[in-house]
Amino acid sequence: MSCNQEDTIIIEANNSLLDVNLKELWKYRDLVLLFVKRNYTTRYKQTILGPAWLVITPLLSTILYSIIFTGVARLPTDGVHALAFYMTGNILWSCFSSCLQQTSGTFLNNAGIMGKVYFPRLVMPISTIITAMADFAIQLCLLVCLLIILALRGNTINISLSIFFIPFVVLQIALLGFGVGIIVSSLTTKYRDLNVLVGFGVQLWMYASPVVYSVSLIPQKYQLIYLLNPVTPCLIVFRHAFLGIGEIPYKAWGISWVFTILILVAGVIIFNKVEKTFMDTV
């Protein structure tokens, strides 16, 4: 009986830590989509509202931020409506934290599958990123609807030409979350404490980023250090695009792209290294 050579897969040791077989990943694109479907199925299983939570959650968070940080704490929103200010920061941060947290559980959450069948391990974190991007697309529509409603009610909405930067901002946020996530995922195979600290670390990172407050509140002498946070320039550009507030820190944004690429490369190297001995340590 003859065997079709094109359907034969040879599994062998890979000594290159930076090797990413894009051709093989493309062959497994159907599996990526199956994992994306599984992510939604398991997330909304036995829920009443289902995917409606994708809209309800950011809306409730935005209203809560408006009450606490504007109504009680009296924090400035740079002259724009509080709901628009907090919604822009909220949905972009949710995209980043979702990419990071879901990717950080790749090895531990899928140990049973990994031990039974071969497939490119990067398929799983890639599927979580696609899931987060789909969530973001829905929430972006919510933001657009909110801005339209506010404009119809007489509020000034200044959408700038930097709106064309949005795809690059979202791509960077996804790559950064992916890079940090697979680093954490790789390290948690040996150090389970990190898995417990991820949620706490993400929460601290959020308050170190201008999600619920304006960058103008940071003293000028600390602005340079503050902008070294790679998420900060992304949030500034995102708000500038939809609300026309602030100025785009092009230099800081460029530096944040360098950090993002370095973190992504480091993540792939660590991931490929841990992947070889994962089943022995999990």
C-alpha atoms as a PDB file:
ATOM      1  CA  MET A   1       0.000   0.000   0.000  1.00  0.00           C
ATOM      2  CA  SER A   2       1.544   3.319  -1.078  1.00  0.00           C
ATOM      3  CA  CYS A   3       1.666   6.383   1.124  1.00  0.00           C
ATOM      4  CA  ASN A   4       1.170   9.898  -0.179  1.00  0.00           C
ATOM      5  CA  GLN A   5       4.359  11.771   0.654  1.00  0.00           C
ATOM      6  CA  GLU A   6       2.519  15.086   0.923  1.00  0.00           C
ATOM      7  CA  ASP A   7       0.402  13.699   3.792  1.00  0.00           C
ATOM      8  CA  THR A   8       3.397  12.376   5.709  1.00  0.00           C
ATOM      9  CA  ILE A   9       4.615  14.408   8.657  1.00  0.00           C
ATOM     10  CA  ILE A  10       8.047  13.695  10.076  1.00  0.00           C
ATOM     11  CA  ILE A  11       8.381  14.698  13.731  1.00  0.00           C
ATOM     12  CA  GLU A  12      11.964  15.406  14.686  1.00  0.00           C
ATOM     13  CA  ALA A  13      13.898  17.384  17.284  1.00  0.00           C
ATOM     14  CA  ASN A  14      14.213  21.077  16.575  1.00  0.00           C
ATOM     15  CA  ASN A  15      17.427  22.632  17.851  1.00  0.00           C
ATOM     16  CA  SER A  16      16.680  26.163  16.668  1.00  0.00           C
ATOM     17  CA  LEU A  17      15.016  28.226  19.376  1.00  0.00           C
ATOM     18  CA  LEU A  18      13.861  30.876  16.924  1.00  0.00           C
ATOM     19  CA  ASP A  19      12.459  28.462  14.359  1.00  0.00           C
ATOM     20  CA  VAL A  20       8.789  29.117  13.604  1.00  0.00           C
ATOM     21  CA  ASN A  21       7.431  26.951  10.823  1.00  0.00           C
ATOM     22  CA  LEU A  22       4.845  29.277   9.274  1.00  0.00           C
ATOM     23  CA  LYS A  23       4.073  26.798   6.508  1.00  0.00           C
ATOM     24  CA  GLU A  24       3.182  24.144   9.077  1.00  0.00           C
ATOM     25  CA  LEU A  25       1.081  26.607  11.073  1.00  0.00           C
ATOM     26  CA  TRP A  26      -0.834  27.474   7.903  1.00  0.00           C
ATOM     27  CA  LYS A  27      -1.551  23.775   7.314  1.00  0.00           C
ATOM     28  CA  TYR A  28      -3.126  23.641  10.783  1.00  0.00           C
ATOM     29  CA  ARG A  29      -5.296  26.737  10.243  1.00  0.00           C
ATOM     30  CA  ASP A  30      -8.468  24.625  10.564  1.00  0.00           C
ATOM     31  CA  LEU A  31      -7.295  23.482  13.990  1.00  0.00           C
ATOM     32  CA  VAL A  32      -6.739  27.123  14.975  1.00  0.00           C
ATOM     33  CA  LEU A  33     -10.353  27.894  14.063  1.00  0.00           C
ATOM     34  CA  LEU A  34     -11.536  24.857  16.045  1.00  0.00           C
ATOM     35  CA  PHE A  35      -9.672  26.134  19.095  1.00  0.00           C
ATOM     36  CA  VAL A  36     -11.251  29.568  18.616  1.00  0.00           C
ATOM     37  CA  LYS A  37     -14.690  27.946  18.498  1.00  0.00           C
ATOM     38  CA  ARG A  38     -13.832  25.931  21.608  1.00  0.00           C
ATOM     39  CA  ASN A  39     -12.787  29.107  23.426  1.00  0.00           C
ATOM     40  CA  TYR A  40     -16.202  30.672  22.875  1.00  0.00           C
ATOM     41  CA  THR A  41     -18.083  27.454  23.595  1.00  0.00           C
ATOM     42  CA  THR A  42     -16.397  26.873  26.951  1.00  0.00           C
ATOM     43  CA  ARG A  43     -16.575  30.549  27.930  1.00  0.00           C
ATOM     44  CA  TYR A  44     -20.322  30.915  27.465  1.00  0.00           C
ATOM     45  CA  LYS A  45     -21.424  27.385  28.307  1.00  0.00           C
ATOM     46  CA  GLN A  46     -24.394  27.413  30.706  1.00  0.00           C
ATOM     47  CA  THR A  47     -24.742  31.199  30.583  1.00  0.00           C
ATOM     48  CA  ILE A  48     -28.048  32.963  29.982  1.00  0.00           C
ATOM     49  CA  LEU A  49     -26.816  36.023  28.082  1.00  0.00           C
ATOM     50  CA  GLY A  50     -23.939  34.268  26.261  1.00  0.00           C
ATOM     51  CA  PRO A  51     -21.873  36.505  23.919  1.00  0.00           C
ATOM     52  CA  ALA A  52     -23.915  39.522  25.057  1.00  0.00           C
ATOM     53  CA  TRP A  53     -21.439  39.735  27.942  1.00  0.00           C
ATOM     54  CA  LEU A  54     -18.890  41.029  25.422  1.00  0.00           C
ATOM     55  CA  VAL A  55     -20.949  44.229  25.281  1.00  0.00           C
ATOM     56  CA  ILE A  56     -22.335  44.274  28.827  1.00  0.00           C
ATOM     57  CA  THR A  57     -18.962  43.919  30.587  1.00  0.00           C
ATOM     58  CA  PRO A  58     -17.160  46.939  29.041  1.00  0.00           C
ATOM     59  CA  LEU A  59     -20.341  49.008  29.292  1.00  0.00           C
ATOM     60  CA  LEU A  60     -20.740  48.302  33.016  1.00  0.00           C
ATOM     61  CA  SER A  61     -17.009  48.868  33.617  1.00  0.00           C
ATOM     62  CA  THR A  62     -17.159  52.200  31.799  1.00  0.00           C
ATOM     63  CA  ILE A  63     -20.165  53.382  33.802  1.00  0.00           C
ATOM     64  CA  LEU A  64     -18.456  52.284  37.034  1.00  0.00           C
ATOM     65  CA  TYR A  65     -15.244  54.124  36.131  1.00  0.00           C
ATOM     66  CA  SER A  66     -17.251  57.245  35.300  1.00  0.00           C
ATOM     67  CA  ILE A  67     -18.974  57.195  38.689  1.00  0.00           C
ATOM     68  CA  ILE A  68     -15.838  56.487  40.736  1.00  0.00           C
ATOM     69  CA  PHE A  69     -13.079  58.372  38.945  1.00  0.00           C
ATOM     70  CA  THR A  70     -15.069  61.320  37.570  1.00  0.00           C
ATOM     71  CA  GLY A  71     -18.047  61.601  39.885  1.00  0.00           C
ATOM     72  CA  VAL A  72     -16.250  60.830  43.164  1.00  0.00           C
ATOM     73  CA  ALA A  73     -12.497  61.318  42.607  1.00  0.00           C
ATOM     74  CA  ARG A  74     -13.046  64.238  40.177  1.00  0.00           C
ATOM     75  CA  LEU A  75     -10.270  63.142  37.846  1.00  0.00           C
ATOM     76  CA  PRO A  76     -10.122  65.153  34.587  1.00  0.00           C
ATOM     77  CA  THR A  77     -10.986  63.548  31.255  1.00  0.00           C
ATOM     78  CA  ASP A  78      -9.234  66.145  29.050  1.00  0.00           C
ATOM     79  CA  GLY A  79     -12.450  67.907  28.140  1.00  0.00           C
ATOM     80  CA  VAL A  80     -14.257  64.929  26.596  1.00  0.00           C
ATOM     81  CA  HIS A  81     -17.296  63.052  27.854  1.00  0.00           C
ATOM     82  CA  ALA A  82     -16.374  60.651  30.658  1.00  0.00           C
ATOM     83  CA  LEU A  83     -18.076  57.656  29.012  1.00  0.00           C
ATOM     84  CA  ALA A  84     -16.090  58.145  25.791  1.00  0.00           C
ATOM     85  CA  PHE A  85     -12.834  58.656  27.713  1.00  0.00           C
ATOM     86  CA  TYR A  86     -13.167  55.512  29.814  1.00  0.00           C
ATOM     87  CA  MET A  87     -14.605  53.359  27.044  1.00  0.00           C
ATOM     88  CA  THR A  88     -11.611  53.992  24.760  1.00  0.00           C
ATOM     89  CA  GLY A  89      -9.143  53.046  27.476  1.00  0.00           C
ATOM     90  CA  ASN A  90     -11.241  50.150  28.706  1.00  0.00           C
ATOM     91  CA  ILE A  91     -11.666  48.209  25.461  1.00  0.00           C
ATOM     92  CA  LEU A  92      -8.032  48.537  24.395  1.00  0.00           C
ATOM     93  CA  TRP A  93      -6.796  47.452  27.819  1.00  0.00           C
ATOM     94  CA  SER A  94      -9.290  44.557  27.823  1.00  0.00           C
ATOM     95  CA  CYS A  95      -7.840  43.419  24.507  1.00  0.00           C
ATOM     96  CA  PHE A  96      -4.300  43.463  25.916  1.00  0.00           C
ATOM     97  CA  SER A  97      -5.154  41.782  29.221  1.00  0.00           C
ATOM     98  CA  SER A  98      -7.212  39.145  27.429  1.00  0.00           C
ATOM     99  CA  CYS A  99      -4.309  38.326  25.095  1.00  0.00           C
ATOM    100  CA  LEU A 100      -1.908  38.118  28.020  1.00  0.00           C
ATOM    101  CA  GLN A 101      -4.038  36.163  30.484  1.00  0.00           C
ATOM    102  CA  GLN A 102      -5.480  33.657  28.034  1.00  0.00           C
ATOM    103  CA  THR A 103      -2.090  33.007  26.456  1.00  0.00           C
ATOM    104  CA  SER A 104      -0.423  32.633  29.869  1.00  0.00           C
ATOM    105  CA  GLY A 105      -2.466  29.473  30.509  1.00  0.00           C
ATOM    106  CA  THR A 106      -1.554  27.743  27.239  1.00  0.00           C
ATOM    107  CA  PHE A 107       0.557  24.900  28.639  1.00  0.00           C
ATOM    108  CA  LEU A 108      -1.324  24.200  31.858  1.00  0.00           C
ATOM    109  CA  ASN A 109      -4.819  24.434  30.359  1.00  0.00           C
ATOM    110  CA  ASN A 110      -4.013  22.193  27.400  1.00  0.00           C
ATOM    111  CA  ALA A 111      -1.692  19.629  28.988  1.00  0.00           C
ATOM    112  CA  GLY A 112      -4.116  16.786  28.295  1.00  0.00           C
ATOM    113  CA  ILE A 113      -4.292  17.540  24.565  1.00  0.00           C
ATOM    114  CA  MET A 114      -0.549  18.072  24.207  1.00  0.00           C
ATOM    115  CA  GLY A 115       0.223  14.676  25.707  1.00  0.00           C
ATOM    116  CA  LYS A 116      -1.962  12.776  23.241  1.00  0.00           C
ATOM    117  CA  VAL A 117      -1.466  14.169  19.746  1.00  0.00           C
ATOM    118  CA  TYR A 118       1.076  16.145  17.752  1.00  0.00           C
ATOM    119  CA  PHE A 119       0.371  19.593  16.339  1.00  0.00           C
ATOM    120  CA  PRO A 120       2.357  22.865  16.311  1.00  0.00           C
ATOM    121  CA  ARG A 121       2.130  24.097  19.898  1.00  0.00           C
ATOM    122  CA  LEU A 122       1.899  27.723  18.792  1.00  0.00           C
ATOM    123  CA  VAL A 123      -1.540  26.892  17.398  1.00  0.00           C
ATOM    124  CA  MET A 124      -3.072  27.275  20.864  1.00  0.00           C
ATOM    125  CA  PRO A 125      -1.729  30.722  21.836  1.00  0.00           C
ATOM    126  CA  ILE A 126      -2.467  31.949  18.310  1.00  0.00           C
ATOM    127  CA  SER A 127      -6.083  30.828  18.704  1.00  0.00           C
ATOM    128  CA  THR A 128      -6.381  32.803  21.958  1.00  0.00           C
ATOM    129  CA  ILE A 129      -5.075  35.923  20.214  1.00  0.00           C
ATOM    130  CA  ILE A 130      -7.634  35.512  17.413  1.00  0.00           C
ATOM    131  CA  THR A 131     -10.356  35.102  20.050  1.00  0.00           C
ATOM    132  CA  ALA A 132      -9.247  38.317  21.770  1.00  0.00           C
ATOM    133  CA  MET A 133      -9.202  40.153  18.420  1.00  0.00           C
ATOM    134  CA  ALA A 134     -12.759  39.002  17.693  1.00  0.00           C
ATOM    135  CA  ASP A 135     -13.839  40.255  21.124  1.00  0.00           C
ATOM    136  CA  PHE A 136     -12.132  43.583  20.462  1.00  0.00           C
ATOM    137  CA  ALA A 137     -13.880  43.970  17.090  1.00  0.00           C
ATOM    138  CA  ILE A 138     -17.269  43.625  18.774  1.00  0.00           C
ATOM    139  CA  GLN A 139     -16.339  46.088  21.526  1.00  0.00           C
ATOM    140  CA  LEU A 140     -14.971  48.526  18.959  1.00  0.00           C
ATOM    141  CA  CYS A 141     -18.425  48.561  17.359  1.00  0.00           C
ATOM    142  CA  LEU A 142     -19.815  49.362  20.815  1.00  0.00           C
ATOM    143  CA  LEU A 143     -17.401  52.310  21.082  1.00  0.00           C
ATOM    144  CA  VAL A 144     -18.442  53.642  17.662  1.00  0.00           C
ATOM    145  CA  CYS A 145     -22.119  53.400  18.643  1.00  0.00           C
ATOM    146  CA  LEU A 146     -21.403  55.254  21.884  1.00  0.00           C
ATOM    147  CA  LEU A 147     -19.565  58.040  20.051  1.00  0.00           C
ATOM    148  CA  ILE A 148     -22.444  58.406  17.583  1.00  0.00           C
ATOM    149  CA  ILE A 149     -24.981  58.650  20.443  1.00  0.00           C
ATOM    150  CA  LEU A 150     -22.850  61.240  22.263  1.00  0.00           C
ATOM    151  CA  ALA A 151     -22.458  63.269  19.053  1.00  0.00           C
ATOM    152  CA  LEU A 152     -26.219  63.221  18.457  1.00  0.00           C
ATOM    153  CA  ARG A 153     -26.726  64.501  22.008  1.00  0.00           C
ATOM    154  CA  GLY A 154     -24.533  67.527  21.302  1.00  0.00           C
ATOM    155  CA  ASN A 155     -21.185  66.352  22.656  1.00  0.00           C
ATOM    156  CA  THR A 156     -18.100  67.240  20.633  1.00  0.00           C
ATOM    157  CA  ILE A 157     -16.310  64.194  19.208  1.00  0.00           C
ATOM    158  CA  ASN A 158     -13.038  64.973  17.428  1.00  0.00           C
ATOM    159  CA  ILE A 159     -11.977  61.974  15.361  1.00  0.00           C
ATOM    160  CA  SER A 160      -8.487  62.713  14.015  1.00  0.00           C
ATOM    161  CA  LEU A 161      -6.518  61.423  11.028  1.00  0.00           C
ATOM    162  CA  SER A 162      -4.564  59.204  13.405  1.00  0.00           C
ATOM    163  CA  ILE A 163      -7.549  56.863  13.110  1.00  0.00           C
ATOM    164  CA  PHE A 164      -5.452  55.181  10.406  1.00  0.00           C
ATOM    165  CA  PHE A 165      -2.957  54.190  13.120  1.00  0.00           C
ATOM    166  CA  ILE A 166      -5.553  52.014  14.859  1.00  0.00           C
ATOM    167  CA  PRO A 167      -4.627  48.748  13.034  1.00  0.00           C
ATOM    168  CA  PHE A 168      -0.988  49.225  14.074  1.00  0.00           C
ATOM    169  CA  VAL A 169      -1.984  49.957  17.675  1.00  0.00           C
ATOM    170  CA  VAL A 170      -4.162  46.856  17.879  1.00  0.00           C
ATOM    171  CA  LEU A 171      -1.465  44.724  16.237  1.00  0.00           C
ATOM    172  CA  GLN A 172       1.114  45.956  18.737  1.00  0.00           C
ATOM    173  CA  ILE A 173      -1.183  45.308  21.695  1.00  0.00           C
ATOM    174  CA  ALA A 174      -1.841  41.766  20.428  1.00  0.00           C
ATOM    175  CA  LEU A 175       1.865  41.036  19.864  1.00  0.00           C
ATOM    176  CA  LEU A 176       2.812  42.444  23.264  1.00  0.00           C
ATOM    177  CA  GLY A 177       0.142  40.411  25.044  1.00  0.00           C
ATOM    178  CA  PHE A 178       1.166  37.346  23.033  1.00  0.00           C
ATOM    179  CA  GLY A 179       4.853  37.786  23.899  1.00  0.00           C
ATOM    180  CA  VAL A 180       4.355  38.355  27.626  1.00  0.00           C
ATOM    181  CA  GLY A 181       1.716  35.621  27.734  1.00  0.00           C
ATOM    182  CA  ILE A 182       3.867  32.867  26.242  1.00  0.00           C
ATOM    183  CA  ILE A 183       6.773  33.870  28.510  1.00  0.00           C
ATOM    184  CA  VAL A 184       4.523  33.463  31.553  1.00  0.00           C
ATOM    185  CA  SER A 185       3.013  30.266  30.123  1.00  0.00           C
ATOM    186  CA  SER A 186       6.457  28.765  29.617  1.00  0.00           C
ATOM    187  CA  LEU A 187       7.685  29.693  33.095  1.00  0.00           C
ATOM    188  CA  THR A 188       4.562  28.422  34.886  1.00  0.00           C
ATOM    189  CA  THR A 189       5.343  24.846  33.809  1.00  0.00           C
ATOM    190  CA  LYS A 190       8.005  24.855  36.551  1.00  0.00           C
ATOM    191  CA  TYR A 191       6.975  27.776  38.734  1.00  0.00           C
ATOM    192  CA  ARG A 192       3.233  27.519  39.364  1.00  0.00           C
ATOM    193  CA  ASP A 193       3.320  30.571  41.636  1.00  0.00           C
ATOM    194  CA  LEU A 194       3.476  32.766  38.547  1.00  0.00           C
ATOM    195  CA  ASN A 195       0.072  31.505  37.457  1.00  0.00           C
ATOM    196  CA  VAL A 196      -1.389  32.863  40.699  1.00  0.00           C
ATOM    197  CA  LEU A 197       0.372  36.216  40.328  1.00  0.00           C
ATOM    198  CA  VAL A 198      -0.690  36.876  36.711  1.00  0.00           C
ATOM    199  CA  GLY A 199      -4.042  38.426  37.615  1.00  0.00           C
ATOM    200  CA  PHE A 200      -2.484  40.607  40.299  1.00  0.00           C
ATOM    201  CA  GLY A 201       0.326  41.672  37.965  1.00  0.00           C
ATOM    202  CA  VAL A 202      -2.106  42.614  35.193  1.00  0.00           C
ATOM    203  CA  GLN A 203      -4.113  44.690  37.657  1.00  0.00           C
ATOM    204  CA  LEU A 204      -0.987  46.594  38.733  1.00  0.00           C
ATOM    205  CA  TRP A 205      -0.012  47.097  35.091  1.00  0.00           C
ATOM    206  CA  MET A 206      -3.433  48.602  34.394  1.00  0.00           C
ATOM    207  CA  TYR A 207      -2.972  51.267  37.070  1.00  0.00           C
ATOM    208  CA  ALA A 208       0.522  51.952  35.712  1.00  0.00           C
ATOM    209  CA  SER A 209      -1.132  52.734  32.353  1.00  0.00           C
ATOM    210  CA  PRO A 210      -3.493  55.640  31.500  1.00  0.00           C
ATOM    211  CA  VAL A 211      -6.635  53.504  31.394  1.00  0.00           C
ATOM    212  CA  VAL A 212      -8.714  55.257  34.057  1.00  0.00           C
ATOM    213  CA  TYR A 213      -6.847  58.555  34.205  1.00  0.00           C
ATOM    214  CA  SER A 214      -5.242  61.051  31.850  1.00  0.00           C
ATOM    215  CA  VAL A 215      -1.519  61.191  31.101  1.00  0.00           C
ATOM    216  CA  SER A 216      -1.708  64.903  31.960  1.00  0.00           C
ATOM    217  CA  LEU A 217      -1.933  63.921  35.643  1.00  0.00           C
ATOM    218  CA  ILE A 218       1.635  62.547  35.538  1.00  0.00           C
ATOM    219  CA  PRO A 219       4.193  65.228  36.582  1.00  0.00           C
ATOM    220  CA  GLN A 220       6.335  66.405  33.687  1.00  0.00           C
ATOM    221  CA  LYS A 221       9.574  65.162  35.285  1.00  0.00           C
ATOM    222  CA  TYR A 222       8.206  61.603  35.328  1.00  0.00           C
ATOM    223  CA  GLN A 223       6.671  61.665  31.841  1.00  0.00           C
ATOM    224  CA  LEU A 224       9.721  60.114  30.152  1.00  0.00           C
ATOM    225  CA  ILE A 225       9.851  57.185  32.566  1.00  0.00           C
ATOM    226  CA  TYR A 226       6.086  56.773  32.400  1.00  0.00           C
ATOM    227  CA  LEU A 227       6.146  56.534  28.605  1.00  0.00           C
ATOM    228  CA  LEU A 228       8.575  53.598  28.792  1.00  0.00           C
ATOM    229  CA  ASN A 229       5.559  51.454  29.645  1.00  0.00           C
ATOM    230  CA  PRO A 230       4.881  49.991  26.147  1.00  0.00           C
ATOM    231  CA  VAL A 231       1.107  50.067  26.691  1.00  0.00           C
ATOM    232  CA  THR A 232       1.025  53.792  27.476  1.00  0.00           C
ATOM    233  CA  PRO A 233       1.810  55.133  23.955  1.00  0.00           C
ATOM    234  CA  CYS A 234      -0.752  52.723  22.496  1.00  0.00           C
ATOM    235  CA  LEU A 235      -3.484  54.091  24.752  1.00  0.00           C
ATOM    236  CA  ILE A 236      -2.474  57.677  23.959  1.00  0.00           C
ATOM    237  CA  VAL A 237      -2.607  57.061  20.197  1.00  0.00           C
ATOM    238  CA  PHE A 238      -5.916  55.193  20.515  1.00  0.00           C
ATOM    239  CA  ARG A 239      -7.562  58.031  22.452  1.00  0.00           C
ATOM    240  CA  HIS A 240      -6.101  60.640  20.120  1.00  0.00           C
ATOM    241  CA  ALA A 241      -7.547  58.796  17.128  1.00  0.00           C
ATOM    242  CA  PHE A 242     -11.122  58.639  18.444  1.00  0.00           C
ATOM    243  CA  LEU A 243     -11.310  61.678  20.721  1.00  0.00           C
ATOM    244  CA  GLY A 244      -8.636  64.021  19.375  1.00  0.00           C
ATOM    245  CA  ILE A 245      -7.105  64.606  22.824  1.00  0.00           C
ATOM    246  CA  GLY A 246      -3.419  64.775  23.709  1.00  0.00           C
ATOM    247  CA  GLU A 247      -0.467  64.511  21.354  1.00  0.00           C
ATOM    248  CA  ILE A 248       0.977  61.380  19.812  1.00  0.00           C
ATOM    249  CA  PRO A 249       4.405  60.610  21.362  1.00  0.00           C
ATOM    250  CA  TYR A 250       5.965  59.247  18.178  1.00  0.00           C
ATOM    251  CA  LYS A 251       9.388  58.673  19.748  1.00  0.00           C
ATOM    252  CA  ALA A 252       7.962  56.837  22.764  1.00  0.00           C
ATOM    253  CA  TRP A 253       5.673  54.831  20.477  1.00  0.00           C
ATOM    254  CA  GLY A 254       8.661  53.778  18.379  1.00  0.00           C
ATOM    255  CA  ILE A 255      10.541  52.701  21.521  1.00  0.00           C
ATOM    256  CA  SER A 256       7.503  50.727  22.672  1.00  0.00           C
ATOM    257  CA  TRP A 257       7.509  48.899  19.317  1.00  0.00           C
ATOM    258  CA  VAL A 258      11.152  47.927  19.954  1.00  0.00           C
ATOM    259  CA  PHE A 259      10.190  46.607  23.399  1.00  0.00           C
ATOM    260  CA  THR A 260       7.281  44.706  21.876  1.00  0.00           C
ATOM    261  CA  ILE A 261       9.453  42.990  19.260  1.00  0.00           C
ATOM    262  CA  LEU A 262      12.109  42.109  21.867  1.00  0.00           C
ATOM    263  CA  ILE A 263       9.497  40.631  24.202  1.00  0.00           C
ATOM    264  CA  LEU A 264       7.924  38.695  21.318  1.00  0.00           C
ATOM    265  CA  VAL A 265      11.289  37.233  20.232  1.00  0.00           C
ATOM    266  CA  ALA A 266      12.166  36.360  23.832  1.00  0.00           C
ATOM    267  CA  GLY A 267       8.766  34.718  24.228  1.00  0.00           C
ATOM    268  CA  VAL A 268       9.197  32.549  21.135  1.00  0.00           C
ATOM    269  CA  ILE A 269      12.694  31.479  22.262  1.00  0.00           C
ATOM    270  CA  ILE A 270      11.525  30.508  25.762  1.00  0.00           C
ATOM    271  CA  PHE A 271       8.402  28.826  24.370  1.00  0.00           C
ATOM    272  CA  ASN A 272      10.396  26.679  21.927  1.00  0.00           C
ATOM    273  CA  LYS A 273      12.836  25.718  24.670  1.00  0.00           C
ATOM    274  CA  VAL A 274      10.185  24.732  27.222  1.00  0.00           C
ATOM    275  CA  GLU A 275       8.058  22.947  24.619  1.00  0.00           C
ATOM    276  CA  LYS A 276      10.678  20.182  24.286  1.00  0.00           C
ATOM    277  CA  THR A 277      10.508  19.167  27.959  1.00  0.00           C
ATOM    278  CA  PHE A 278       7.000  20.361  28.798  1.00  0.00           C
ATOM    279  CA  MET A 279       5.454  16.936  29.395  1.00  0.00           C
ATOM    280  CA  ASP A 280       8.262  16.058  31.826  1.00  0.00           C
ATOM    281  CA  THR A 281       7.658  19.074  34.059  1.00  0.00           C
ATOM    282  CA  VAL A 282       3.908  19.666  33.933  1.00  0.00           C
END
